[in-house]
Amino acid sequence: MSEAGTLTRAELADAVHREVGLSRAESAGLVEQVLRHMCEALSSGQNVKISGFGSFVLRDKAERMGRNPKTGVEVAIEPRRVLTFRASQLMRDRIVAGA
C-alpha cells in the first residue's frame, strides 16, 4: 500500500500480477476492465454487489431544505442521485480483526 494508506489501481494491478501470474500489462488491463464494467453498471442504474466485499448502491435523494452554516440562510438542495457503499459482514469482521 502507498505511504498515504490508499490502495491505488497500480497496486491492485501489481497484486493481480503477483497472485495470478499475468504480465503487468495484462494485470493492469484486467483491473481496468473490472472497474470499467462496474462504472458502466452503476451509470446505467444498476447496483453492484461483490459477495464477501460489499455493495455499491445508488440512492435517489429528494429535494430538501438546508441551511448555510455561515449565514444561517435556508437554501433548497436539489434532488440528486448518490452512490453509497455498504461493506459485507465478512468485510466488517475482517476490518475489526485487523486482517
N, C-alpha and C. Protein backbone atom coordinates (compact mmCIF):
# COMPACT_ATOMS: atom_id res chain seq x y z
N MET A 1 0.84 -1.18 0.00
CA MET A 1 0.00 0.00 0.00
C MET A 1 0.88 1.24 0.00
N SER A 2 0.41 2.31 -0.62
CA SER A 2 1.21 3.52 -0.70
C SER A 2 1.33 4.18 0.66
N GLU A 3 2.20 5.18 0.73
CA GLU A 3 2.51 5.84 2.00
C GLU A 3 1.28 6.45 2.67
N ALA A 4 0.38 7.00 1.86
CA ALA A 4 -0.79 7.69 2.42
C ALA A 4 -1.85 6.71 2.93
N GLY A 5 -1.62 5.41 2.75
CA GLY A 5 -2.58 4.43 3.23
C GLY A 5 -3.74 4.23 2.27
N THR A 6 -3.55 4.55 1.00
CA THR A 6 -4.58 4.40 -0.01
C THR A 6 -4.13 3.37 -1.03
N LEU A 7 -4.97 2.39 -1.30
CA LEU A 7 -4.67 1.39 -2.32
C LEU A 7 -4.98 1.98 -3.69
N THR A 8 -4.02 1.93 -4.61
CA THR A 8 -4.19 2.52 -5.93
C THR A 8 -4.46 1.45 -6.99
N ARG A 9 -4.86 1.89 -8.19
CA ARG A 9 -5.07 0.98 -9.31
C ARG A 9 -3.78 0.22 -9.62
N ALA A 10 -2.66 0.93 -9.61
CA ALA A 10 -1.37 0.30 -9.92
C ALA A 10 -1.05 -0.79 -8.90
N GLU A 11 -1.36 -0.54 -7.65
CA GLU A 11 -1.11 -1.54 -6.61
C GLU A 11 -2.05 -2.74 -6.76
N LEU A 12 -3.29 -2.50 -7.15
CA LEU A 12 -4.21 -3.60 -7.44
C LEU A 12 -3.69 -4.45 -8.60
N ALA A 13 -3.25 -3.77 -9.65
CA ALA A 13 -2.72 -4.48 -10.81
C ALA A 13 -1.48 -5.28 -10.42
N ASP A 14 -0.63 -4.72 -9.57
CA ASP A 14 0.57 -5.42 -9.11
C ASP A 14 0.19 -6.66 -8.29
N ALA A 15 -0.85 -6.55 -7.47
CA ALA A 15 -1.31 -7.69 -6.68
C ALA A 15 -1.85 -8.79 -7.60
N VAL A 16 -2.59 -8.41 -8.64
CA VAL A 16 -3.09 -9.40 -9.61
C VAL A 16 -1.90 -10.06 -10.30
N HIS A 17 -0.91 -9.25 -10.65
CA HIS A 17 0.30 -9.77 -11.30
C HIS A 17 0.97 -10.84 -10.42
N ARG A 18 1.12 -10.55 -9.15
CA ARG A 18 1.77 -11.49 -8.23
C ARG A 18 0.92 -12.73 -7.97
N GLU A 19 -0.37 -12.55 -7.74
CA GLU A 19 -1.25 -13.65 -7.34
C GLU A 19 -1.66 -14.56 -8.50
N VAL A 20 -1.94 -13.97 -9.66
CA VAL A 20 -2.47 -14.73 -10.78
C VAL A 20 -1.37 -15.12 -11.76
N GLY A 21 -0.33 -14.31 -11.80
CA GLY A 21 0.77 -14.64 -12.69
C GLY A 21 0.64 -14.06 -14.08
N LEU A 22 -0.29 -13.14 -14.28
CA LEU A 22 -0.39 -12.46 -15.57
C LEU A 22 0.74 -11.45 -15.68
N SER A 23 1.02 -11.00 -16.91
CA SER A 23 2.02 -9.95 -17.08
C SER A 23 1.50 -8.67 -16.43
N ARG A 24 2.39 -7.73 -16.21
CA ARG A 24 1.96 -6.45 -15.60
C ARG A 24 0.94 -5.74 -16.48
N ALA A 25 1.15 -5.76 -17.78
CA ALA A 25 0.21 -5.10 -18.70
C ALA A 25 -1.15 -5.80 -18.68
N GLU A 26 -1.15 -7.12 -18.69
CA GLU A 26 -2.41 -7.87 -18.65
C GLU A 26 -3.13 -7.64 -17.33
N SER A 27 -2.38 -7.58 -16.24
CA SER A 27 -2.96 -7.34 -14.92
C SER A 27 -3.61 -5.96 -14.85
N ALA A 28 -2.89 -4.96 -15.37
CA ALA A 28 -3.44 -3.60 -15.39
C ALA A 28 -4.70 -3.55 -16.25
N GLY A 29 -4.68 -4.24 -17.39
CA GLY A 29 -5.85 -4.29 -18.27
C GLY A 29 -7.04 -4.96 -17.60
N LEU A 30 -6.78 -6.03 -16.86
CA LEU A 30 -7.84 -6.74 -16.15
C LEU A 30 -8.49 -5.85 -15.09
N VAL A 31 -7.66 -5.15 -14.31
CA VAL A 31 -8.18 -4.24 -13.29
C VAL A 31 -9.01 -3.15 -13.94
N GLU A 32 -8.53 -2.58 -15.05
CA GLU A 32 -9.26 -1.54 -15.77
C GLU A 32 -10.61 -2.06 -16.28
N GLN A 33 -10.63 -3.28 -16.81
CA GLN A 33 -11.87 -3.87 -17.32
C GLN A 33 -12.90 -4.05 -16.20
N VAL A 34 -12.46 -4.53 -15.05
CA VAL A 34 -13.37 -4.74 -13.92
C VAL A 34 -13.93 -3.39 -13.46
N LEU A 35 -13.07 -2.40 -13.30
CA LEU A 35 -13.54 -1.07 -12.86
C LEU A 35 -14.46 -0.44 -13.89
N ARG A 36 -14.13 -0.59 -15.17
CA ARG A 36 -14.98 -0.02 -16.23
C ARG A 36 -16.36 -0.69 -16.23
N HIS A 37 -16.38 -2.01 -16.06
CA HIS A 37 -17.65 -2.74 -16.02
C HIS A 37 -18.49 -2.29 -14.83
N MET A 38 -17.87 -2.09 -13.68
CA MET A 38 -18.60 -1.61 -12.50
C MET A 38 -19.16 -0.21 -12.76
N CYS A 39 -18.35 0.67 -13.35
CA CYS A 39 -18.80 2.04 -13.64
C CYS A 39 -19.96 2.05 -14.62
N GLU A 40 -19.89 1.20 -15.65
CA GLU A 40 -20.97 1.13 -16.63
C GLU A 40 -22.26 0.65 -15.98
N ALA A 41 -22.16 -0.35 -15.11
CA ALA A 41 -23.35 -0.87 -14.43
C ALA A 41 -23.96 0.22 -13.55
N LEU A 42 -23.15 0.92 -12.80
CA LEU A 42 -23.66 1.98 -11.92
C LEU A 42 -24.24 3.13 -12.75
N SER A 43 -23.59 3.48 -13.85
CA SER A 43 -24.09 4.56 -14.72
C SER A 43 -25.44 4.23 -15.31
N SER A 44 -25.69 2.94 -15.55
CA SER A 44 -26.97 2.54 -16.13
C SER A 44 -28.04 2.31 -15.06
N GLY A 45 -27.71 2.59 -13.80
CA GLY A 45 -28.71 2.49 -12.73
C GLY A 45 -28.70 1.18 -11.97
N GLN A 46 -27.76 0.29 -12.27
CA GLN A 46 -27.69 -0.98 -11.56
C GLN A 46 -26.84 -0.84 -10.30
N ASN A 47 -27.19 -1.60 -9.27
CA ASN A 47 -26.35 -1.68 -8.08
C ASN A 47 -25.29 -2.74 -8.35
N VAL A 48 -24.16 -2.67 -7.65
CA VAL A 48 -23.08 -3.64 -7.81
C VAL A 48 -22.84 -4.32 -6.48
N LYS A 49 -22.96 -5.65 -6.46
CA LYS A 49 -22.74 -6.42 -5.25
C LYS A 49 -21.59 -7.39 -5.48
N ILE A 50 -20.58 -7.31 -4.62
CA ILE A 50 -19.44 -8.21 -4.69
C ILE A 50 -19.47 -9.04 -3.41
N SER A 51 -19.83 -10.29 -3.55
CA SER A 51 -20.00 -11.18 -2.41
C SER A 51 -18.73 -11.22 -1.56
N GLY A 52 -18.88 -11.07 -0.26
CA GLY A 52 -17.74 -11.10 0.66
C GLY A 52 -17.02 -9.78 0.76
N PHE A 53 -17.41 -8.80 -0.07
CA PHE A 53 -16.77 -7.48 -0.05
C PHE A 53 -17.78 -6.41 0.34
N GLY A 54 -18.83 -6.25 -0.46
CA GLY A 54 -19.85 -5.26 -0.15
C GLY A 54 -20.67 -4.90 -1.36
N SER A 55 -21.53 -3.89 -1.18
CA SER A 55 -22.45 -3.46 -2.23
C SER A 55 -22.33 -1.97 -2.47
N PHE A 56 -22.29 -1.61 -3.75
CA PHE A 56 -22.37 -0.21 -4.17
C PHE A 56 -23.82 0.01 -4.57
N VAL A 57 -24.51 0.91 -3.87
CA VAL A 57 -25.94 1.10 -4.06
C VAL A 57 -26.21 2.55 -4.46
N LEU A 58 -27.04 2.72 -5.50
CA LEU A 58 -27.47 4.04 -5.92
C LEU A 58 -28.73 4.42 -5.15
N ARG A 59 -28.77 5.65 -4.64
CA ARG A 59 -29.95 6.14 -3.93
C ARG A 59 -30.35 7.47 -4.52
N ASP A 60 -31.65 7.65 -4.68
CA ASP A 60 -32.18 8.94 -5.12
C ASP A 60 -32.58 9.73 -3.89
N LYS A 61 -31.98 10.91 -3.73
CA LYS A 61 -32.32 11.76 -2.59
C LYS A 61 -33.29 12.84 -3.06
N ALA A 62 -34.32 13.04 -2.29
CA ALA A 62 -35.33 14.02 -2.62
C ALA A 62 -34.82 15.44 -2.35
N GLU A 63 -35.53 16.41 -2.91
CA GLU A 63 -35.21 17.81 -2.62
C GLU A 63 -35.47 18.07 -1.14
N ARG A 64 -34.61 18.89 -0.54
CA ARG A 64 -34.80 19.21 0.88
C ARG A 64 -34.27 20.60 1.15
N MET A 65 -34.62 21.10 2.30
CA MET A 65 -34.13 22.41 2.71
C MET A 65 -32.88 22.23 3.55
N GLY A 66 -31.87 23.02 3.25
CA GLY A 66 -30.64 23.02 4.02
C GLY A 66 -30.37 24.42 4.53
N ARG A 67 -29.34 24.55 5.31
CA ARG A 67 -29.02 25.85 5.88
C ARG A 67 -27.53 26.12 5.69
N ASN A 68 -27.22 27.32 5.21
CA ASN A 68 -25.83 27.74 5.09
C ASN A 68 -25.31 27.95 6.52
N PRO A 69 -24.32 27.17 6.95
CA PRO A 69 -23.86 27.27 8.34
C PRO A 69 -23.22 28.61 8.68
N LYS A 70 -22.71 29.30 7.67
CA LYS A 70 -22.06 30.58 7.93
C LYS A 70 -23.06 31.71 8.12
N THR A 71 -24.09 31.74 7.25
CA THR A 71 -25.05 32.85 7.28
C THR A 71 -26.38 32.48 7.92
N GLY A 72 -26.68 31.17 8.00
CA GLY A 72 -27.95 30.74 8.56
C GLY A 72 -29.11 30.82 7.57
N VAL A 73 -28.83 31.20 6.33
CA VAL A 73 -29.87 31.34 5.31
C VAL A 73 -30.27 29.94 4.82
N GLU A 74 -31.60 29.71 4.73
CA GLU A 74 -32.10 28.43 4.23
C GLU A 74 -32.00 28.40 2.71
N VAL A 75 -31.59 27.25 2.18
CA VAL A 75 -31.48 27.07 0.75
C VAL A 75 -32.05 25.71 0.36
N ALA A 76 -32.66 25.65 -0.83
CA ALA A 76 -33.19 24.38 -1.32
C ALA A 76 -32.02 23.57 -1.89
N ILE A 77 -31.94 22.31 -1.49
CA ILE A 77 -30.93 21.40 -2.02
C ILE A 77 -31.63 20.55 -3.08
N GLU A 78 -31.10 20.59 -4.29
CA GLU A 78 -31.71 19.90 -5.43
C GLU A 78 -31.74 18.39 -5.21
N PRO A 79 -32.75 17.70 -5.79
CA PRO A 79 -32.74 16.24 -5.72
C PRO A 79 -31.53 15.71 -6.50
N ARG A 80 -30.98 14.61 -6.03
CA ARG A 80 -29.81 14.07 -6.71
C ARG A 80 -29.69 12.58 -6.46
N ARG A 81 -28.87 11.94 -7.24
CA ARG A 81 -28.58 10.51 -7.09
C ARG A 81 -27.20 10.41 -6.45
N VAL A 82 -27.10 9.58 -5.42
CA VAL A 82 -25.82 9.40 -4.73
C VAL A 82 -25.43 7.93 -4.72
N LEU A 83 -24.15 7.68 -4.62
CA LEU A 83 -23.62 6.33 -4.56
C LEU A 83 -23.17 6.06 -3.13
N THR A 84 -23.65 4.96 -2.57
CA THR A 84 -23.23 4.58 -1.22
C THR A 84 -22.58 3.21 -1.28
N PHE A 85 -21.75 2.93 -0.30
CA PHE A 85 -21.11 1.62 -0.19
C PHE A 85 -21.45 1.03 1.16
N ARG A 86 -21.84 -0.21 1.16
CA ARG A 86 -22.12 -0.92 2.41
C ARG A 86 -21.26 -2.18 2.42
N ALA A 87 -20.34 -2.25 3.37
CA ALA A 87 -19.44 -3.40 3.47
C ALA A 87 -20.23 -4.63 3.91
N SER A 88 -19.81 -5.78 3.40
CA SER A 88 -20.45 -7.04 3.80
C SER A 88 -20.06 -7.36 5.24
N GLN A 89 -20.80 -8.26 5.86
CA GLN A 89 -20.49 -8.65 7.23
C GLN A 89 -19.10 -9.29 7.31
N LEU A 90 -18.74 -10.06 6.30
CA LEU A 90 -17.42 -10.68 6.26
C LEU A 90 -16.33 -9.61 6.23
N MET A 91 -16.51 -8.57 5.43
CA MET A 91 -15.54 -7.47 5.36
C MET A 91 -15.47 -6.73 6.69
N ARG A 92 -16.61 -6.47 7.29
CA ARG A 92 -16.61 -5.79 8.59
C ARG A 92 -15.87 -6.61 9.64
N ASP A 93 -16.10 -7.92 9.63
CA ASP A 93 -15.40 -8.80 10.59
C ASP A 93 -13.90 -8.78 10.37
N ARG A 94 -13.48 -8.76 9.10
CA ARG A 94 -12.04 -8.71 8.79
C ARG A 94 -11.43 -7.39 9.25
N ILE A 95 -12.16 -6.29 9.06
CA ILE A 95 -11.66 -4.98 9.47
C ILE A 95 -11.50 -4.93 10.98
N VAL A 96 -12.49 -5.44 11.70
CA VAL A 96 -12.44 -5.45 13.16
C VAL A 96 -11.26 -6.31 13.64
N ALA A 97 -11.04 -7.45 12.96
CA ALA A 97 -9.96 -8.35 13.34
C ALA A 97 -8.60 -7.81 12.93
N GLY A 98 -8.59 -6.79 12.06
CA GLY A 98 -7.34 -6.21 11.63
C GLY A 98 -6.61 -7.00 10.57
N ALA A 99 -7.36 -7.83 9.84
CA ALA A 99 -6.72 -8.66 8.81
C ALA A 99 -6.85 -8.08 7.44
